[in-house]
Amino acid sequence: MKITRIETIPIQIPIEPTRATRGARGSHLTSPFLLVRIHTDEGLTGLGEVSCTPGWSGEDQVTAAHIIARYIAPRLIGENPTEVERLTATMRTAVANNPFTKSGLEIALWDLLGKSVGLPVYRLLGGPVRDFVPTKYSVSGLAPERAAEIAAWAVAQGFRTMKVKVGIEPEEDIARVRAVREAVGPDVRLGVDANGGWSARTAIRTIRRLEEFNIYFAEQPVPDLDVAWLSDVRAHVSVPVMADESVYTLQDAMAVVRAGAADVLSVYIGKGGGIGPARKVAAVAEAAGLTCTIGSNLELGIANAAMIHLAMATPGIGAEEFPCDILSPFFYEDDVLAEPLPITGGSARPTERPGLGVALDEEKVAHYRVG
């Protein structure tokens, strides 16, 4: 089997306005994506998805499509798409950085590999290590009363773990977490996510105050500019510290481990360049006696499917203790999949169809396509 063509389709699907995310890095009001289709000479097609939110990834629909067409596609066309590891290395040397763009293509290669042998991706990765993937909800950094309403709604959807966006202003952050805790009661597990919005001093002081509300982790309390800042916070608070923006690459994961800077790593398929690189980050954490969760950039259905397969088959992802952020269906007004994924409040499951197990609704793709 040979790759004959790589197709890219820019789309944008509205976020449900009442649940748009606000955090220390700003508001997430729109989500532009680039769908990827890898065509082959045997008629099989692999699906991928690039998250194109520049404030997070530094990539957008124009840059992603250009890099694929100009630099990566010429290196992949004519190659066997089932040689995922080799082609991942090829993409790494074709152009520097741009991990989300490369991730979209790598996901599509896994989809093709699964379809070629008639197996779902999680079975290609070694088979299940859990029956389903536990998930959590992310409560936006809104006014305390509104955050409390959203948290109560999430509990009604079935979520028993959630995190609250903080890192915006300490007193407001504390009031928001207090309101959410009062709304969800004592039995819902609650973490906080600062998205790097605090200084080390503010993070230590604020996390200590938030412990009153029985938080059980603090995600990326400080900016990702210096891993020592993360280490300082971890040394002075009693709750587990989670590294997110500080971990993009395998080398980032090693640096966090060496610095003793985190208890948990938040891995993304997009940040590292695909399913394979994300598994390597999880292996580093596992070897160091740490654990991982899966973070979210509010992906659509194709990438959500990839995240589910990754979590289903990766022992280094401790989803039972730190549930994953596979929650996009609760944020978007629609998706482009022909059938919705089995994602409910608190759990996500893969399908048993080959590859990623998803197909596109072509009418919806046409409807949400942008210029």
Protein backbone atom coordinates (compact mmCIF):
# COMPACT_ATOMS: atom_id res chain seq x y z
CA MET A 1 0.00 0.00 0.00
CA LYS A 2 1.27 3.47 -0.93
CA ILE A 3 0.21 6.99 -0.02
CA THR A 4 -1.08 8.76 -3.13
CA ARG A 5 -2.44 12.07 -1.81
CA ILE A 6 -2.90 14.08 1.38
CA GLU A 7 -6.04 16.19 1.55
CA THR A 8 -6.65 18.99 4.06
CA ILE A 9 -10.02 20.58 4.89
CA PRO A 10 -10.33 23.67 7.15
CA ILE A 11 -13.47 23.66 9.30
CA GLN A 12 -14.85 25.53 12.28
CA ILE A 13 -17.65 24.38 14.58
CA PRO A 14 -19.24 26.75 17.12
CA ILE A 15 -18.69 26.25 20.83
CA GLU A 16 -21.88 26.32 22.93
CA PRO A 17 -21.71 29.95 24.16
CA THR A 18 -22.67 29.28 27.76
CA ARG A 19 -19.76 26.84 28.18
CA ALA A 20 -16.96 28.69 26.35
CA THR A 21 -13.75 28.31 28.33
CA ARG A 22 -12.03 31.18 30.15
CA GLY A 23 -8.67 30.72 31.84
CA ALA A 24 -5.32 32.37 32.49
CA ARG A 25 -4.42 32.17 28.79
CA GLY A 26 -7.62 33.94 27.73
CA SER A 27 -10.98 32.76 26.45
CA HIS A 28 -11.46 29.80 24.11
CA LEU A 29 -14.39 31.04 22.03
CA THR A 30 -13.73 29.45 18.65
CA SER A 31 -11.98 26.28 17.53
CA PRO A 32 -10.62 26.18 14.00
CA PHE A 33 -9.51 22.73 12.87
CA LEU A 34 -7.86 21.19 9.85
CA LEU A 35 -9.17 17.78 8.88
CA VAL A 36 -6.64 15.49 7.20
CA ARG A 37 -7.32 12.62 4.81
CA ILE A 38 -4.47 10.40 3.68
CA HIS A 39 -5.44 8.58 0.47
CA THR A 40 -3.83 5.35 -0.69
CA ASP A 41 -3.58 3.29 -3.88
CA GLU A 42 -5.66 0.52 -2.25
CA GLY A 43 -8.67 2.73 -1.65
CA LEU A 44 -8.21 3.01 2.13
CA THR A 45 -8.30 6.49 3.66
CA GLY A 46 -6.86 7.56 7.01
CA LEU A 47 -8.47 10.38 9.02
CA GLY A 48 -6.61 12.92 11.13
CA GLU A 49 -7.29 16.25 12.81
CA VAL A 50 -5.12 19.28 13.57
CA SER A 51 -6.10 21.61 16.43
CA CYS A 52 -5.39 25.08 15.06
CA THR A 53 -5.62 27.48 18.02
CA PRO A 54 -2.58 29.79 17.69
CA GLY A 55 -2.64 31.02 21.29
CA TRP A 56 -2.06 27.46 22.42
CA SER A 57 -0.10 25.77 19.64
CA GLY A 58 1.30 28.59 17.54
CA GLU A 59 -0.25 26.89 14.51
CA ASP A 60 -3.33 27.76 12.49
CA GLN A 61 -5.24 26.38 9.53
CA VAL A 62 -3.11 28.25 6.99
CA THR A 63 0.25 27.28 8.44
CA ALA A 64 -0.80 23.67 8.99
CA ALA A 65 -2.09 23.23 5.44
CA HIS A 66 0.98 24.95 4.01
CA ILE A 67 3.45 22.85 5.99
CA ILE A 68 1.68 19.65 5.02
CA ALA A 69 1.55 20.56 1.33
CA ARG A 70 5.00 22.12 1.03
CA TYR A 71 7.20 20.08 3.37
CA ILE A 72 5.58 16.88 4.62
CA ALA A 73 3.40 15.54 1.81
CA PRO A 74 6.33 15.34 -0.65
CA ARG A 75 8.15 13.16 1.88
CA LEU A 76 5.18 10.85 2.55
CA ILE A 77 3.64 10.37 -0.89
CA GLY A 78 4.72 7.02 -2.30
CA GLU A 79 5.51 5.62 1.15
CA ASN A 80 3.80 2.73 2.94
CA PRO A 81 1.42 4.33 5.50
CA THR A 82 1.55 1.30 7.80
CA GLU A 83 5.17 2.13 8.72
CA VAL A 84 4.00 4.61 11.32
CA GLU A 85 7.18 4.92 13.40
CA ARG A 86 9.42 5.46 10.39
CA LEU A 87 7.11 8.05 8.85
CA THR A 88 6.81 9.84 12.21
CA ALA A 89 10.60 10.23 12.15
CA THR A 90 10.38 11.43 8.54
CA MET A 91 7.93 14.16 9.54
CA ARG A 92 10.17 15.15 12.43
CA THR A 93 13.06 15.83 10.07
CA ALA A 94 10.97 17.37 7.27
CA VAL A 95 10.20 20.52 9.25
CA ALA A 96 10.94 21.70 12.79
CA ASN A 97 8.32 22.08 15.52
CA ASN A 98 4.61 22.24 14.50
CA PRO A 99 3.65 19.21 16.60
CA PHE A 100 -0.12 19.63 16.23
CA THR A 101 0.20 19.56 12.45
CA LYS A 102 2.35 16.44 12.58
CA SER A 103 -0.06 14.89 15.05
CA GLY A 104 -2.94 15.17 12.60
CA LEU A 105 -0.97 13.18 10.05
CA GLU A 106 0.30 10.64 12.58
CA ILE A 107 -3.25 9.96 13.76
CA ALA A 108 -4.28 9.34 10.15
CA LEU A 109 -1.42 6.84 9.74
CA TRP A 110 -2.64 4.87 12.76
CA ASP A 111 -6.15 4.95 11.32
CA LEU A 112 -4.84 3.48 8.08
CA LEU A 113 -2.79 0.83 9.85
CA GLY A 114 -5.83 -0.31 11.83
CA LYS A 115 -8.03 -0.39 8.75
CA SER A 116 -5.41 -2.37 6.82
CA VAL A 117 -5.41 -5.20 9.38
CA GLY A 118 -9.02 -4.93 10.58
CA LEU A 119 -8.22 -3.92 14.18
CA PRO A 120 -9.01 -0.87 16.35
CA VAL A 121 -6.00 1.25 17.22
CA TYR A 122 -6.03 0.42 20.92
CA ARG A 123 -5.51 -3.25 20.08
CA LEU A 124 -2.56 -2.36 17.85
CA LEU A 125 -1.10 -0.56 20.87
CA GLY A 126 -1.18 -3.74 22.96
CA GLY A 127 -4.80 -4.08 23.95
CA PRO A 128 -6.85 -2.66 26.81
CA VAL A 129 -5.47 -1.93 30.25
CA ARG A 130 -8.91 -0.74 31.45
CA ASP A 131 -12.55 -1.37 30.59
CA PHE A 132 -13.25 2.31 29.82
CA VAL A 133 -11.55 5.69 30.19
CA PRO A 134 -12.64 7.73 33.23
CA THR A 135 -13.07 11.42 32.34
CA LYS A 136 -13.43 14.73 34.15
CA TYR A 137 -15.10 18.04 33.36
CA SER A 138 -13.39 21.43 33.09
CA VAL A 139 -15.22 24.34 34.72
CA SER A 140 -14.50 27.67 33.07
CA GLY A 141 -12.95 30.60 34.94
CA LEU A 142 -16.18 32.57 35.10
CA ALA A 143 -17.81 34.48 37.93
CA PRO A 144 -18.24 32.22 40.99
CA GLU A 145 -22.02 31.91 40.71
CA ARG A 146 -21.85 31.02 37.02
CA ALA A 147 -19.02 28.53 37.59
CA ALA A 148 -21.11 26.90 40.31
CA GLU A 149 -24.06 26.56 37.92
CA ILE A 150 -21.86 24.89 35.30
CA ALA A 151 -20.36 22.54 37.90
CA ALA A 152 -23.80 21.49 39.10
CA TRP A 153 -24.82 20.89 35.48
CA ALA A 154 -21.71 18.72 34.96
CA VAL A 155 -22.61 16.61 37.99
CA ALA A 156 -26.07 16.12 36.51
CA GLN A 157 -24.40 14.85 33.33
CA GLY A 158 -22.62 12.17 35.35
CA PHE A 159 -19.21 13.69 36.11
CA ARG A 160 -17.73 12.86 39.51
CA THR A 161 -14.38 14.53 38.92
CA MET A 162 -13.75 18.04 37.62
CA LYS A 163 -11.22 20.83 37.59
CA VAL A 164 -11.77 24.55 37.93
CA LYS A 165 -9.93 27.14 35.85
CA VAL A 166 -7.94 29.49 38.08
CA GLY A 167 -4.76 31.58 37.66
CA ILE A 168 -6.71 34.70 36.73
CA GLU A 169 -6.81 36.67 40.01
CA PRO A 170 -6.18 34.95 43.36
CA GLU A 171 -9.16 36.24 45.32
CA GLU A 172 -11.50 35.61 42.41
CA ASP A 173 -9.94 32.16 41.94
CA ILE A 174 -10.57 31.27 45.57
CA ALA A 175 -14.16 32.51 45.44
CA ARG A 176 -14.77 30.45 42.29
CA VAL A 177 -13.42 27.23 43.81
CA ARG A 178 -15.40 27.84 46.99
CA ALA A 179 -18.61 28.30 44.98
CA VAL A 180 -17.98 25.16 42.94
CA ARG A 181 -17.26 23.06 46.01
CA GLU A 182 -20.48 24.25 47.63
CA ALA A 183 -22.39 23.44 44.45
CA VAL A 184 -21.05 19.90 43.93
CA GLY A 185 -20.78 18.76 47.53
CA PRO A 186 -17.98 16.90 49.32
CA ASP A 187 -17.95 13.70 47.24
CA VAL A 188 -16.94 15.12 43.85
CA ARG A 189 -13.18 15.15 43.30
CA LEU A 190 -11.99 18.66 42.52
CA GLY A 191 -8.72 19.93 41.04
CA VAL A 192 -7.62 23.35 39.82
CA ASP A 193 -5.91 24.38 36.58
CA ALA A 194 -4.02 27.68 36.52
CA ASN A 195 -2.68 27.37 32.95
CA GLY A 196 0.56 28.96 34.15
CA GLY A 197 -1.20 32.08 35.41
CA TRP A 198 0.45 32.50 38.82
CA SER A 199 3.95 33.40 39.92
CA ALA A 200 5.60 30.78 42.13
CA ARG A 201 4.98 32.87 45.23
CA THR A 202 1.33 33.47 44.37
CA ALA A 203 0.84 29.82 43.45
CA ILE A 204 2.16 28.56 46.79
CA ARG A 205 0.08 31.02 48.79
CA THR A 206 -3.11 30.46 46.78
CA ILE A 207 -2.90 26.66 46.60
CA ARG A 208 -2.46 26.53 50.37
CA ARG A 209 -5.65 28.54 50.76
CA LEU A 210 -7.47 26.34 48.23
CA GLU A 211 -6.66 23.23 50.24
CA GLU A 212 -9.57 24.24 52.48
CA PHE A 213 -11.87 23.09 49.65
CA ASN A 214 -10.27 19.65 49.44
CA ILE A 215 -8.63 20.07 46.05
CA TYR A 216 -6.62 17.04 45.03
CA PHE A 217 -4.33 18.43 42.34
CA ALA A 218 -3.03 21.74 41.01
CA GLU A 219 -2.36 21.83 37.27
CA GLN A 220 0.39 24.03 35.76
CA PRO A 221 0.39 26.61 38.56
CA VAL A 222 3.26 28.64 37.03
CA PRO A 223 4.39 29.56 33.49
CA ASP A 224 6.34 27.00 31.49
CA LEU A 225 9.40 29.23 31.11
CA ASP A 226 11.48 27.58 33.86
CA VAL A 227 10.88 24.10 35.25
CA ALA A 228 12.51 25.21 38.53
CA TRP A 229 9.46 27.37 39.24
CA LEU A 230 7.25 24.30 39.05
CA SER A 231 9.66 22.45 41.33
CA ASP A 232 9.53 25.29 43.88
CA VAL A 233 5.76 25.13 44.05
CA ARG A 234 5.71 21.35 44.40
CA ALA A 235 8.17 21.55 47.32
CA HIS A 236 5.89 23.92 49.24
CA VAL A 237 2.36 22.57 48.76
CA SER A 238 0.76 19.35 49.92
CA VAL A 239 -1.39 18.55 46.87
CA PRO A 240 -0.04 16.81 43.74
CA VAL A 241 1.27 19.17 41.07
CA MET A 242 0.43 18.44 37.43
CA ALA A 243 2.64 19.62 34.58
CA ASP A 244 0.82 20.53 31.35
CA GLU A 245 2.28 23.43 29.35
CA SER A 246 5.71 22.42 30.67
CA VAL A 247 5.57 19.09 28.82
CA TYR A 248 5.45 19.04 25.03
CA THR A 249 8.32 16.74 24.13
CA LEU A 250 9.95 13.62 25.51
CA GLN A 251 12.86 15.81 26.58
CA ASP A 252 10.48 18.13 28.45
CA ALA A 253 9.17 15.12 30.35
CA MET A 254 12.71 14.09 31.27
CA ALA A 255 13.50 17.62 32.49
CA VAL A 256 10.39 17.69 34.71
CA VAL A 257 11.28 14.29 36.17
CA ARG A 258 14.90 15.26 36.85
CA ALA A 259 13.82 18.50 38.53
CA GLY A 260 11.26 16.74 40.75
CA ALA A 261 8.81 19.30 39.40
CA ALA A 262 5.55 17.32 39.16
CA ASP A 263 3.59 14.33 40.38
CA VAL A 264 1.48 14.02 37.24
CA LEU A 265 2.10 14.81 33.56
CA SER A 266 -0.73 15.93 31.30
CA VAL A 267 -0.04 14.40 27.90
CA TYR A 268 -1.65 15.43 24.64
CA ILE A 269 -1.58 13.70 21.30
CA GLY A 270 -1.20 17.14 19.72
CA LYS A 271 1.58 18.56 21.88
CA GLY A 272 4.08 15.80 21.15
CA GLY A 273 3.19 15.08 17.55
CA GLY A 274 0.99 12.01 17.77
CA ILE A 275 -0.09 8.87 19.59
CA GLY A 276 3.39 7.34 19.53
CA PRO A 277 5.18 10.37 21.05
CA ALA A 278 2.46 10.68 23.73
CA ARG A 279 3.02 7.04 24.73
CA LYS A 280 6.75 7.73 25.08
CA VAL A 281 6.05 10.62 27.46
CA ALA A 282 3.78 8.34 29.49
CA ALA A 283 6.55 5.72 29.60
CA VAL A 284 8.98 8.29 31.04
CA ALA A 285 6.48 9.15 33.76
CA GLU A 286 5.85 5.50 34.51
CA ALA A 287 9.57 4.76 34.76
CA ALA A 288 9.97 7.65 37.20
CA GLY A 289 7.16 6.46 39.44
CA LEU A 290 4.81 9.23 38.29
CA THR A 291 1.57 8.98 36.36
CA CYS A 292 -0.21 10.79 33.54
CA THR A 293 -3.57 12.05 32.47
CA ILE A 294 -4.72 13.19 29.03
CA GLY A 295 -5.32 16.89 28.57
CA SER A 296 -7.58 18.55 26.03
CA ASN A 297 -7.47 21.36 23.53
CA LEU A 298 -11.21 20.85 22.93
CA GLU A 299 -10.56 18.44 20.08
CA LEU A 300 -13.25 17.25 17.71
CA GLY A 301 -14.32 13.65 17.12
CA ILE A 302 -11.33 12.32 15.18
CA ALA A 303 -8.81 13.42 17.79
CA ASN A 304 -11.15 12.44 20.63
CA ALA A 305 -11.19 8.92 19.20
CA ALA A 306 -7.39 8.91 19.12
CA MET A 307 -7.27 10.07 22.74
CA ILE A 308 -9.59 7.25 23.80
CA HIS A 309 -7.46 4.62 22.04
CA LEU A 310 -4.32 6.05 23.66
CA ALA A 311 -5.80 5.97 27.16
CA MET A 312 -7.32 2.52 26.73
CA ALA A 313 -3.94 0.91 25.98
CA THR A 314 -1.39 2.93 27.99
CA PRO A 315 -0.63 1.82 31.57
CA GLY A 316 1.34 5.00 32.26
CA ILE A 317 -1.88 6.99 32.00
CA GLY A 318 -3.48 6.74 35.44
CA ALA A 319 -6.98 7.64 34.37
CA GLU A 320 -8.61 6.12 37.44
CA GLU A 321 -6.77 8.50 39.80
CA PHE A 322 -6.57 11.44 37.39
CA PRO A 323 -9.42 11.15 34.86
CA CYS A 324 -8.83 12.39 31.31
CA ASP A 325 -10.10 15.54 29.62
CA ILE A 326 -12.06 13.78 26.87
CA LEU A 327 -15.02 16.12 27.11
CA SER A 328 -15.48 18.01 23.84
CA PRO A 329 -19.03 16.75 23.12
CA PHE A 330 -20.11 18.77 26.16
CA PHE A 331 -18.71 21.99 24.66
CA TYR A 332 -19.56 21.96 20.94
CA GLU A 333 -22.88 22.47 19.23
CA ASP A 334 -22.07 19.75 16.69
CA ASP A 335 -19.34 17.49 15.26
CA VAL A 336 -18.45 16.18 11.81
CA LEU A 337 -18.63 12.47 12.63
CA ALA A 338 -21.20 10.23 10.99
CA GLU A 339 -21.88 8.64 14.41
CA PRO A 340 -21.12 10.12 17.84
CA LEU A 341 -18.43 8.53 19.96
CA PRO A 342 -19.48 6.63 23.13
CA ILE A 343 -18.56 9.53 25.42
CA THR A 344 -20.76 10.18 28.45
CA GLY A 345 -20.37 12.23 31.60
CA GLY A 346 -17.46 10.56 33.38
CA SER A 347 -16.49 7.92 30.83
CA ALA A 348 -15.33 7.37 27.26
CA ARG A 349 -15.07 4.15 25.28
CA PRO A 350 -13.59 3.16 21.92
CA THR A 351 -15.53 1.47 19.18
CA GLU A 352 -14.46 -1.95 17.92
CA ARG A 353 -14.35 -0.79 14.31
CA PRO A 354 -10.95 -0.86 12.58
CA GLY A 355 -8.57 2.04 12.95
CA LEU A 356 -9.90 4.99 14.92
CA GLY A 357 -13.39 3.62 14.33
CA VAL A 358 -14.85 6.89 13.02
CA ALA A 359 -16.20 8.16 9.71
CA LEU A 360 -17.04 11.66 8.51
CA ASP A 361 -20.48 13.02 7.76
CA GLU A 362 -19.67 14.65 4.43
CA GLU A 363 -22.67 16.99 4.56
CA LYS A 364 -21.52 18.35 7.91
CA VAL A 365 -17.94 18.68 6.66
CA ALA A 366 -19.22 20.76 3.75
CA HIS A 367 -21.43 22.83 6.08
CA TYR A 368 -18.64 23.71 8.53
CA ARG A 369 -15.91 24.14 5.93
CA VAL A 370 -14.31 27.60 5.91
CA GLY A 371 -12.27 29.45 3.30
